[in-house]
């Protein structure tokens, strides 16, 4: 095994190993270590993505889980890039993102043309899918921002997204009502901040015991970046947005302008 810096994908694949252990062996971590002849910390560190297991480590672990050669080779192929500082996934893959959100102590995001998926209503999400052809986001992920001990969140949203009509007027009004209900974590970037409109949408995730990372997505890929340069670039972007975005009161006024004079009841989320 090799001690290294964990990544979003190493934690994802480590969690996959943990779930295989629980499902196919019924063993707890210490009992699994005894079965393998390992120190218990090795099982824990492998399952949390803190160490890179060798091919032999993985073969032994997956054999105890009852997995065959084909499964091992597929897992090994994915595991090969688990600790790379740059990871690209298909747009419909959300498991790594969901685990990253769940583990984060803070999430700072910027969106330009559409509302962040952690704040989308179901109707808005379907309308966005119809307009772009991209998969509908798994909105169950939104539970992370409602947890009592959940991450500290700030969602910067360019005013262009409020001007983009997706679906019916009712769909847009419901989305605006939901943004108003969550205005304590939303900051609208005003339309006149044209330079910000040319910045790429992204999110910065920070953790208690892992290195921060930046996530960006398009219709082609989800990208997780854990390089110091990318994280520094993200911090610079959010420092700029903090200066030019409306405060909470200004954000509420701006959202109310777009909502119109006859708001619907807030959706039960």
C-alpha atoms as a PDB file:
ATOM      1  CA  UNK A   1       0.000   0.000   0.000  1.00  0.00           C
ATOM      2  CA  UNK A   2       1.025   3.620  -0.547  1.00  0.00           C
ATOM      3  CA  UNK A   3       0.130   6.563   1.701  1.00  0.00           C
ATOM      4  CA  UNK A   4      -1.014   9.469  -0.456  1.00  0.00           C
ATOM      5  CA  UNK A   5      -3.428  12.397  -0.575  1.00  0.00           C
ATOM      6  CA  UNK A   6      -7.013  11.242  -0.835  1.00  0.00           C
ATOM      7  CA  UNK A   7      -9.205  12.505  -3.675  1.00  0.00           C
ATOM      8  CA  UNK A   8     -12.922  12.622  -4.348  1.00  0.00           C
ATOM      9  CA  UNK A   9     -12.635   9.477  -6.466  1.00  0.00           C
ATOM     10  CA  UNK A  10     -10.412   7.553  -4.042  1.00  0.00           C
ATOM     11  CA  UNK A  11     -13.000   8.213  -1.325  1.00  0.00           C
ATOM     12  CA  UNK A  12     -15.772   7.126  -3.705  1.00  0.00           C
ATOM     13  CA  UNK A  13     -14.056   3.833  -4.585  1.00  0.00           C
ATOM     14  CA  UNK A  14     -13.070   3.275  -0.960  1.00  0.00           C
ATOM     15  CA  UNK A  15     -16.711   3.654   0.008  1.00  0.00           C
ATOM     16  CA  UNK A  16     -17.595   1.139  -2.712  1.00  0.00           C
ATOM     17  CA  UNK A  17     -15.236  -1.354  -1.045  1.00  0.00           C
ATOM     18  CA  UNK A  18     -16.865  -0.699   2.324  1.00  0.00           C
ATOM     19  CA  UNK A  19     -20.318  -1.366   0.906  1.00  0.00           C
ATOM     20  CA  UNK A  20     -19.093  -4.588  -0.741  1.00  0.00           C
ATOM     21  CA  UNK A  21     -17.692  -5.744   2.608  1.00  0.00           C
ATOM     22  CA  UNK A  22     -20.950  -5.016   4.403  1.00  0.00           C
ATOM     23  CA  UNK A  23     -23.157  -6.562   1.731  1.00  0.00           C
ATOM     24  CA  UNK A  24     -21.232  -9.709   0.857  1.00  0.00           C
ATOM     25  CA  UNK A  25     -19.332 -10.626   4.027  1.00  0.00           C
ATOM     26  CA  UNK A  26     -21.310  -9.177   6.927  1.00  0.00           C
ATOM     27  CA  UNK A  27     -17.948  -8.557   8.598  1.00  0.00           C
ATOM     28  CA  UNK A  28     -17.116  -5.423  10.518  1.00  0.00           C
ATOM     29  CA  UNK A  29     -13.877  -3.645   9.666  1.00  0.00           C
ATOM     30  CA  UNK A  30     -11.809  -5.285  12.428  1.00  0.00           C
ATOM     31  CA  UNK A  31     -13.094  -8.760  11.545  1.00  0.00           C
ATOM     32  CA  UNK A  32     -12.291  -8.096   7.871  1.00  0.00           C
ATOM     33  CA  UNK A  33      -8.751  -7.136   8.845  1.00  0.00           C
ATOM     34  CA  UNK A  34      -8.402 -10.369  10.826  1.00  0.00           C
ATOM     35  CA  UNK A  35      -9.653 -12.365   7.839  1.00  0.00           C
ATOM     36  CA  UNK A  36      -7.060 -10.686   5.608  1.00  0.00           C
ATOM     37  CA  UNK A  37      -4.233 -10.715   8.129  1.00  0.00           C
ATOM     38  CA  UNK A  38      -4.053  -6.914   8.025  1.00  0.00           C
ATOM     39  CA  UNK A  39      -3.842  -4.251  10.679  1.00  0.00           C
ATOM     40  CA  UNK A  40      -7.387  -2.843  11.248  1.00  0.00           C
ATOM     41  CA  UNK A  41      -6.171   0.641  10.315  1.00  0.00           C
ATOM     42  CA  UNK A  42      -5.319  -0.623   6.836  1.00  0.00           C
ATOM     43  CA  UNK A  43      -8.923  -1.641   6.175  1.00  0.00           C
ATOM     44  CA  UNK A  44     -10.173   1.689   7.520  1.00  0.00           C
ATOM     45  CA  UNK A  45      -7.710   3.743   5.473  1.00  0.00           C
ATOM     46  CA  UNK A  46      -8.396   1.735   2.306  1.00  0.00           C
ATOM     47  CA  UNK A  47     -12.159   2.182   2.684  1.00  0.00           C
ATOM     48  CA  UNK A  48     -11.856   5.931   3.285  1.00  0.00           C
ATOM     49  CA  UNK A  49      -9.541   6.412   0.309  1.00  0.00           C
ATOM     50  CA  UNK A  50      -6.612   7.588   2.425  1.00  0.00           C
ATOM     51  CA  UNK A  51      -4.182   5.003   1.067  1.00  0.00           C
ATOM     52  CA  UNK A  52      -3.632   3.475  -2.359  1.00  0.00           C
ATOM     53  CA  UNK A  53      -4.006  -0.287  -2.129  1.00  0.00           C
ATOM     54  CA  UNK A  54      -1.736  -2.466  -4.221  1.00  0.00           C
ATOM     55  CA  UNK A  55      -3.116  -4.850  -6.838  1.00  0.00           C
ATOM     56  CA  UNK A  56      -2.539  -7.678  -4.349  1.00  0.00           C
ATOM     57  CA  UNK A  57      -4.349  -5.772  -1.577  1.00  0.00           C
ATOM     58  CA  UNK A  58      -7.380  -5.286  -3.815  1.00  0.00           C
ATOM     59  CA  UNK A  59      -7.331  -8.873  -5.071  1.00  0.00           C
ATOM     60  CA  UNK A  60      -7.291 -10.184  -1.489  1.00  0.00           C
ATOM     61  CA  UNK A  61     -10.028  -7.806  -0.357  1.00  0.00           C
ATOM     62  CA  UNK A  62     -12.346  -8.507  -3.291  1.00  0.00           C
ATOM     63  CA  UNK A  63     -11.775 -12.258  -3.042  1.00  0.00           C
ATOM     64  CA  UNK A  64     -13.046 -12.208   0.557  1.00  0.00           C
ATOM     65  CA  UNK A  65     -16.074 -10.304  -0.797  1.00  0.00           C
ATOM     66  CA  UNK A  66     -16.678 -13.140  -3.256  1.00  0.00           C
ATOM     67  CA  UNK A  67     -15.933 -11.120  -6.374  1.00  0.00           C
ATOM     68  CA  UNK A  68     -14.631 -12.827  -9.525  1.00  0.00           C
ATOM     69  CA  UNK A  69     -11.752 -11.967 -11.867  1.00  0.00           C
ATOM     70  CA  UNK A  70     -13.913  -9.859 -14.208  1.00  0.00           C
ATOM     71  CA  UNK A  71     -15.092  -7.687 -11.307  1.00  0.00           C
ATOM     72  CA  UNK A  72     -11.533  -7.340 -10.024  1.00  0.00           C
ATOM     73  CA  UNK A  73     -10.215  -6.246 -13.424  1.00  0.00           C
ATOM     74  CA  UNK A  74     -13.001  -3.683 -13.844  1.00  0.00           C
ATOM     75  CA  UNK A  75     -12.410  -2.290 -10.347  1.00  0.00           C
ATOM     76  CA  UNK A  76      -8.645  -2.191 -10.902  1.00  0.00           C
ATOM     77  CA  UNK A  77      -9.145  -0.275 -14.156  1.00  0.00           C
ATOM     78  CA  UNK A  78     -11.158   2.378 -12.307  1.00  0.00           C
ATOM     79  CA  UNK A  79      -8.853   2.367  -9.303  1.00  0.00           C
ATOM     80  CA  UNK A  80      -5.806   3.070 -11.494  1.00  0.00           C
ATOM     81  CA  UNK A  81      -6.725   6.788 -11.682  1.00  0.00           C
ATOM     82  CA  UNK A  82      -8.311   7.098  -8.239  1.00  0.00           C
ATOM     83  CA  UNK A  83      -5.599   9.376  -6.851  1.00  0.00           C
ATOM     84  CA  UNK A  84      -5.082  11.611  -9.894  1.00  0.00           C
ATOM     85  CA  UNK A  85      -5.486  15.352  -9.142  1.00  0.00           C
ATOM     86  CA  UNK A  86      -7.750  15.670 -12.229  1.00  0.00           C
ATOM     87  CA  UNK A  87     -10.750  13.389 -12.690  1.00  0.00           C
ATOM     88  CA  UNK A  88     -13.330  13.520 -15.500  1.00  0.00           C
ATOM     89  CA  UNK A  89     -16.608  11.593 -15.350  1.00  0.00           C
ATOM     90  CA  UNK A  90     -19.640  11.373 -17.605  1.00  0.00           C
ATOM     91  CA  UNK A  91     -22.373  13.959 -16.827  1.00  0.00           C
ATOM     92  CA  UNK A  92     -24.820  11.290 -15.644  1.00  0.00           C
ATOM     93  CA  UNK A  93     -22.427  10.045 -12.944  1.00  0.00           C
ATOM     94  CA  UNK A  94     -23.411  11.662  -9.643  1.00  0.00           C
ATOM     95  CA  UNK A  95     -22.136   9.250  -6.975  1.00  0.00           C
ATOM     96  CA  UNK A  96     -18.714  10.903  -6.573  1.00  0.00           C
ATOM     97  CA  UNK A  97     -20.328  14.333  -6.442  1.00  0.00           C
ATOM     98  CA  UNK A  98     -22.921  13.244  -3.872  1.00  0.00           C
ATOM     99  CA  UNK A  99     -20.241  11.738  -1.606  1.00  0.00           C
ATOM    100  CA  UNK A 100     -18.157  14.902  -1.978  1.00  0.00           C
ATOM    101  CA  UNK A 101     -21.115  17.085  -0.983  1.00  0.00           C
ATOM    102  CA  UNK A 102     -21.922  14.851   1.978  1.00  0.00           C
ATOM    103  CA  UNK A 103     -18.338  14.965   3.295  1.00  0.00           C
ATOM    104  CA  UNK A 104     -17.766  18.705   2.784  1.00  0.00           C
ATOM    105  CA  UNK A 105     -17.647  21.202   5.633  1.00  0.00           C
ATOM    106  CA  UNK A 106     -18.274  24.064   3.181  1.00  0.00           C
ATOM    107  CA  UNK A 107     -19.644  24.383  -0.355  1.00  0.00           C
ATOM    108  CA  UNK A 108     -19.185  27.585  -2.312  1.00  0.00           C
ATOM    109  CA  UNK A 109     -20.692  27.519  -5.786  1.00  0.00           C
ATOM    110  CA  UNK A 110     -21.143  29.858  -8.742  1.00  0.00           C
ATOM    111  CA  UNK A 111     -23.723  29.357 -11.489  1.00  0.00           C
ATOM    112  CA  UNK A 112     -24.280  31.624 -14.463  1.00  0.00           C
ATOM    113  CA  UNK A 113     -27.131  30.383 -16.649  1.00  0.00           C
ATOM    114  CA  UNK A 114     -29.076  28.053 -14.368  1.00  0.00           C
ATOM    115  CA  UNK A 115     -29.791  27.472 -10.674  1.00  0.00           C
ATOM    116  CA  UNK A 116     -27.432  25.146  -8.831  1.00  0.00           C
ATOM    117  CA  UNK A 117     -28.786  21.595  -8.656  1.00  0.00           C
ATOM    118  CA  UNK A 118     -28.732  21.716  -4.839  1.00  0.00           C
ATOM    119  CA  UNK A 119     -31.371  24.461  -5.043  1.00  0.00           C
ATOM    120  CA  UNK A 120     -33.484  23.337  -8.013  1.00  0.00           C
ATOM    121  CA  UNK A 121     -37.166  22.510  -7.712  1.00  0.00           C
ATOM    122  CA  UNK A 122     -38.313  19.305  -9.453  1.00  0.00           C
ATOM    123  CA  UNK A 123     -40.194  21.276 -12.119  1.00  0.00           C
ATOM    124  CA  UNK A 124     -37.175  23.454 -12.853  1.00  0.00           C
ATOM    125  CA  UNK A 125     -34.895  20.405 -13.033  1.00  0.00           C
ATOM    126  CA  UNK A 126     -37.193  18.749 -15.593  1.00  0.00           C
ATOM    127  CA  UNK A 127     -37.411  21.949 -17.648  1.00  0.00           C
ATOM    128  CA  UNK A 128     -33.618  22.270 -17.618  1.00  0.00           C
ATOM    129  CA  UNK A 129     -33.304  18.675 -18.797  1.00  0.00           C
ATOM    130  CA  UNK A 130     -35.787  19.331 -21.613  1.00  0.00           C
ATOM    131  CA  UNK A 131     -33.855  22.427 -22.711  1.00  0.00           C
ATOM    132  CA  UNK A 132     -30.354  20.940 -22.575  1.00  0.00           C
ATOM    133  CA  UNK A 133     -30.805  17.202 -23.037  1.00  0.00           C
ATOM    134  CA  UNK A 134     -28.677  16.595 -19.957  1.00  0.00           C
ATOM    135  CA  UNK A 135     -29.753  14.013 -17.363  1.00  0.00           C
ATOM    136  CA  UNK A 136     -32.110  15.177 -14.611  1.00  0.00           C
ATOM    137  CA  UNK A 137     -30.127  15.744 -11.421  1.00  0.00           C
ATOM    138  CA  UNK A 138     -30.703  13.519  -8.416  1.00  0.00           C
ATOM    139  CA  UNK A 139     -32.445  16.051  -6.181  1.00  0.00           C
ATOM    140  CA  UNK A 140     -32.215  13.738  -3.169  1.00  0.00           C
ATOM    141  CA  UNK A 141     -28.711  15.207  -2.848  1.00  0.00           C
ATOM    142  CA  UNK A 142     -30.344  18.412  -1.593  1.00  0.00           C
ATOM    143  CA  UNK A 143     -30.816  16.828   1.832  1.00  0.00           C
ATOM    144  CA  UNK A 144     -27.175  17.670   2.548  1.00  0.00           C
ATOM    145  CA  UNK A 145     -27.899  21.398   2.871  1.00  0.00           C
ATOM    146  CA  UNK A 146     -30.770  20.778   5.294  1.00  0.00           C
ATOM    147  CA  UNK A 147     -28.772  18.701   7.764  1.00  0.00           C
ATOM    148  CA  UNK A 148     -28.319  20.366  11.183  1.00  0.00           C
ATOM    149  CA  UNK A 149     -24.581  19.689  10.932  1.00  0.00           C
ATOM    150  CA  UNK A 150     -24.432  20.133   7.172  1.00  0.00           C
ATOM    151  CA  UNK A 151     -21.845  22.121   5.230  1.00  0.00           C
ATOM    152  CA  UNK A 152     -21.674  25.898   5.305  1.00  0.00           C
ATOM    153  CA  UNK A 153     -23.041  26.921   1.906  1.00  0.00           C
ATOM    154  CA  UNK A 154     -22.935  30.000  -0.296  1.00  0.00           C
ATOM    155  CA  UNK A 155     -24.503  29.846  -3.761  1.00  0.00           C
ATOM    156  CA  UNK A 156     -23.583  32.726  -6.057  1.00  0.00           C
ATOM    157  CA  UNK A 157     -26.091  33.036  -8.889  1.00  0.00           C
ATOM    158  CA  UNK A 158     -25.720  35.412 -11.814  1.00  0.00           C
ATOM    159  CA  UNK A 159     -28.834  37.410 -12.656  1.00  0.00           C
ATOM    160  CA  UNK A 160     -28.720  35.911 -16.147  1.00  0.00           C
ATOM    161  CA  UNK A 161     -30.045  32.675 -14.647  1.00  0.00           C
ATOM    162  CA  UNK A 162     -33.102  34.553 -13.356  1.00  0.00           C
ATOM    163  CA  UNK A 163     -33.735  35.937 -16.827  1.00  0.00           C
ATOM    164  CA  UNK A 164     -33.504  32.504 -18.470  1.00  0.00           C
ATOM    165  CA  UNK A 165     -37.057  31.200 -18.938  1.00  0.00           C
ATOM    166  CA  UNK A 166     -37.187  27.451 -18.327  1.00  0.00           C
ATOM    167  CA  UNK A 167     -40.540  25.735 -18.532  1.00  0.00           C
ATOM    168  CA  UNK A 168     -43.769  27.561 -17.762  1.00  0.00           C
ATOM    169  CA  UNK A 169     -44.244  30.774 -15.816  1.00  0.00           C
ATOM    170  CA  UNK A 170     -45.412  28.679 -12.877  1.00  0.00           C
ATOM    171  CA  UNK A 171     -42.238  26.572 -12.965  1.00  0.00           C
ATOM    172  CA  UNK A 172     -40.111  29.711 -12.842  1.00  0.00           C
ATOM    173  CA  UNK A 173     -42.200  31.268 -10.091  1.00  0.00           C
ATOM    174  CA  UNK A 174     -41.955  28.127  -7.966  1.00  0.00           C
ATOM    175  CA  UNK A 175     -38.197  28.161  -8.424  1.00  0.00           C
ATOM    176  CA  UNK A 176     -37.982  31.809  -7.403  1.00  0.00           C
ATOM    177  CA  UNK A 177     -40.117  31.173  -4.325  1.00  0.00           C
ATOM    178  CA  UNK A 178     -37.753  28.366  -3.326  1.00  0.00           C
ATOM    179  CA  UNK A 179     -34.721  30.602  -3.835  1.00  0.00           C
ATOM    180  CA  UNK A 180     -36.361  33.227  -1.641  1.00  0.00           C
ATOM    181  CA  UNK A 181     -36.952  30.614   1.044  1.00  0.00           C
ATOM    182  CA  UNK A 182     -33.220  29.865   0.937  1.00  0.00           C
ATOM    183  CA  UNK A 183     -32.013  33.434   0.460  1.00  0.00           C
ATOM    184  CA  UNK A 184     -29.717  33.202   3.503  1.00  0.00           C
ATOM    185  CA  UNK A 185     -27.361  31.057   1.417  1.00  0.00           C
ATOM    186  CA  UNK A 186     -27.937  32.688  -1.997  1.00  0.00           C
ATOM    187  CA  UNK A 187     -26.080  35.740  -3.348  1.00  0.00           C
ATOM    188  CA  UNK A 188     -27.271  37.186  -6.662  1.00  0.00           C
ATOM    189  CA  UNK A 189     -24.566  38.599  -8.919  1.00  0.00           C
ATOM    190  CA  UNK A 190     -26.230  41.606 -10.622  1.00  0.00           C
ATOM    191  CA  UNK A 191     -26.667  41.776 -14.378  1.00  0.00           C
ATOM    192  CA  UNK A 192     -24.363  44.770 -14.693  1.00  0.00           C
ATOM    193  CA  UNK A 193     -21.444  42.630 -13.490  1.00  0.00           C
ATOM    194  CA  UNK A 194     -20.836  41.574 -17.076  1.00  0.00           C
ATOM    195  CA  UNK A 195     -17.281  40.362 -16.517  1.00  0.00           C
ATOM    196  CA  UNK A 196     -18.569  37.769 -14.048  1.00  0.00           C
ATOM    197  CA  UNK A 197     -20.867  36.353 -16.731  1.00  0.00           C
ATOM    198  CA  UNK A 198     -17.789  35.156 -18.618  1.00  0.00           C
ATOM    199  CA  UNK A 199     -16.432  33.217 -15.633  1.00  0.00           C
ATOM    200  CA  UNK A 200     -17.026  29.484 -15.636  1.00  0.00           C
ATOM    201  CA  UNK A 201     -19.525  27.966 -13.248  1.00  0.00           C
ATOM    202  CA  UNK A 202     -17.799  25.910 -10.569  1.00  0.00           C
ATOM    203  CA  UNK A 203     -17.923  24.844  -6.929  1.00  0.00           C
ATOM    204  CA  UNK A 204     -15.266  24.796  -4.225  1.00  0.00           C
ATOM    205  CA  UNK A 205     -15.509  22.018  -1.635  1.00  0.00           C
ATOM    206  CA  UNK A 206     -13.581  22.113   1.622  1.00  0.00           C
ATOM    207  CA  UNK A 207     -13.247  19.316   4.165  1.00  0.00           C
ATOM    208  CA  UNK A 208     -12.171  18.821   7.742  1.00  0.00           C
ATOM    209  CA  UNK A 209      -9.466  16.227   7.023  1.00  0.00           C
ATOM    210  CA  UNK A 210      -8.967  16.260   3.255  1.00  0.00           C
ATOM    211  CA  UNK A 211      -7.571  18.663   0.698  1.00  0.00           C
ATOM    212  CA  UNK A 212     -10.051  21.088  -0.924  1.00  0.00           C
ATOM    213  CA  UNK A 213     -11.143  20.544  -4.498  1.00  0.00           C
ATOM    214  CA  UNK A 214     -12.886  22.363  -7.326  1.00  0.00           C
ATOM    215  CA  UNK A 215     -15.729  20.829  -9.330  1.00  0.00           C
ATOM    216  CA  UNK A 216     -17.009  21.998 -12.710  1.00  0.00           C
ATOM    217  CA  UNK A 217     -19.390  20.428 -15.169  1.00  0.00           C
ATOM    218  CA  UNK A 218     -20.639  20.761 -18.726  1.00  0.00           C
ATOM    219  CA  UNK A 219     -22.739  18.731 -21.099  1.00  0.00           C
ATOM    220  CA  UNK A 220     -19.667  16.601 -21.790  1.00  0.00           C
ATOM    221  CA  UNK A 221     -18.150  15.866 -18.391  1.00  0.00           C
ATOM    222  CA  UNK A 222     -17.970  16.416 -14.658  1.00  0.00           C
ATOM    223  CA  UNK A 223     -14.459  17.414 -13.638  1.00  0.00           C
ATOM    224  CA  UNK A 224     -12.946  17.222 -10.144  1.00  0.00           C
ATOM    225  CA  UNK A 225      -9.666  19.092  -9.686  1.00  0.00           C
ATOM    226  CA  UNK A 226      -7.490  18.854  -6.606  1.00  0.00           C
ATOM    227  CA  UNK A 227      -4.436  20.859  -7.643  1.00  0.00           C
ATOM    228  CA  UNK A 228      -3.228  23.830  -5.595  1.00  0.00           C
ATOM    229  CA  UNK A 229      -3.405  26.101  -8.664  1.00  0.00           C
ATOM    230  CA  UNK A 230      -7.044  25.212  -9.379  1.00  0.00           C
ATOM    231  CA  UNK A 231      -8.089  25.670  -5.753  1.00  0.00           C
ATOM    232  CA  UNK A 232      -6.287  29.043  -5.629  1.00  0.00           C
ATOM    233  CA  UNK A 233      -8.091  30.082  -8.821  1.00  0.00           C
ATOM    234  CA  UNK A 234     -11.403  29.106  -7.237  1.00  0.00           C
ATOM    235  CA  UNK A 235     -10.680  31.113  -4.104  1.00  0.00           C
ATOM    236  CA  UNK A 236      -9.794  34.149  -6.237  1.00  0.00           C
ATOM    237  CA  UNK A 237     -13.073  33.840  -8.158  1.00  0.00           C
ATOM    238  CA  UNK A 238     -15.173  33.621  -5.003  1.00  0.00           C
ATOM    239  CA  UNK A 239     -13.338  36.556  -3.416  1.00  0.00           C
ATOM    240  CA  UNK A 240     -14.296  38.605  -6.487  1.00  0.00           C
ATOM    241  CA  UNK A 241     -17.913  37.420  -6.370  1.00  0.00           C
ATOM    242  CA  UNK A 242     -18.120  38.266  -2.671  1.00  0.00           C
ATOM    243  CA  UNK A 243     -17.242  41.869  -3.539  1.00  0.00           C
ATOM    244  CA  UNK A 244     -19.716  42.339  -6.390  1.00  0.00           C
ATOM    245  CA  UNK A 245     -22.674  40.142  -5.367  1.00  0.00           C
ATOM    246  CA  UNK A 246     -25.733  41.572  -3.630  1.00  0.00           C
ATOM    247  CA  UNK A 247     -26.020  41.008   0.108  1.00  0.00           C
ATOM    248  CA  UNK A 248     -28.871  38.949   1.574  1.00  0.00           C
ATOM    249  CA  UNK A 249     -31.333  41.862   1.644  1.00  0.00           C
ATOM    250  CA  UNK A 250     -30.415  42.912  -1.892  1.00  0.00           C
ATOM    251  CA  UNK A 251     -30.681  39.316  -3.069  1.00  0.00           C
ATOM    252  CA  UNK A 252     -34.168  39.005  -1.586  1.00  0.00           C
ATOM    253  CA  UNK A 253     -35.272  42.214  -3.319  1.00  0.00           C
ATOM    254  CA  UNK A 254     -33.875  41.034  -6.644  1.00  0.00           C
ATOM    255  CA  UNK A 255     -35.532  37.625  -6.375  1.00  0.00           C
ATOM    256  CA  UNK A 256     -38.822  39.291  -5.414  1.00  0.00           C
ATOM    257  CA  UNK A 257     -38.620  41.473  -8.535  1.00  0.00           C
ATOM    258  CA  UNK A 258     -38.466  38.405 -10.750  1.00  0.00           C
ATOM    259  CA  UNK A 259     -41.041  36.478  -8.746  1.00  0.00           C
ATOM    260  CA  UNK A 260     -43.684  39.113  -9.363  1.00  0.00           C
ATOM    261  CA  UNK A 261     -46.515  40.442  -7.184  1.00  0.00           C
ATOM    262  CA  UNK A 262     -48.467  37.190  -6.708  1.00  0.00           C
ATOM    263  CA  UNK A 263     -46.114  34.594  -5.195  1.00  0.00           C
ATOM    264  CA  UNK A 264     -47.136  30.986  -4.860  1.00  0.00           C
ATOM    265  CA  UNK A 265     -46.839  29.171  -1.569  1.00  0.00           C
ATOM    266  CA  UNK A 266     -43.322  27.892  -1.019  1.00  0.00           C
ATOM    267  CA  UNK A 267     -42.891  24.280  -2.052  1.00  0.00           C
ATOM    268  CA  UNK A 268     -42.602  21.675   0.673  1.00  0.00           C
ATOM    269  CA  UNK A 269     -39.110  20.244   0.253  1.00  0.00           C
END
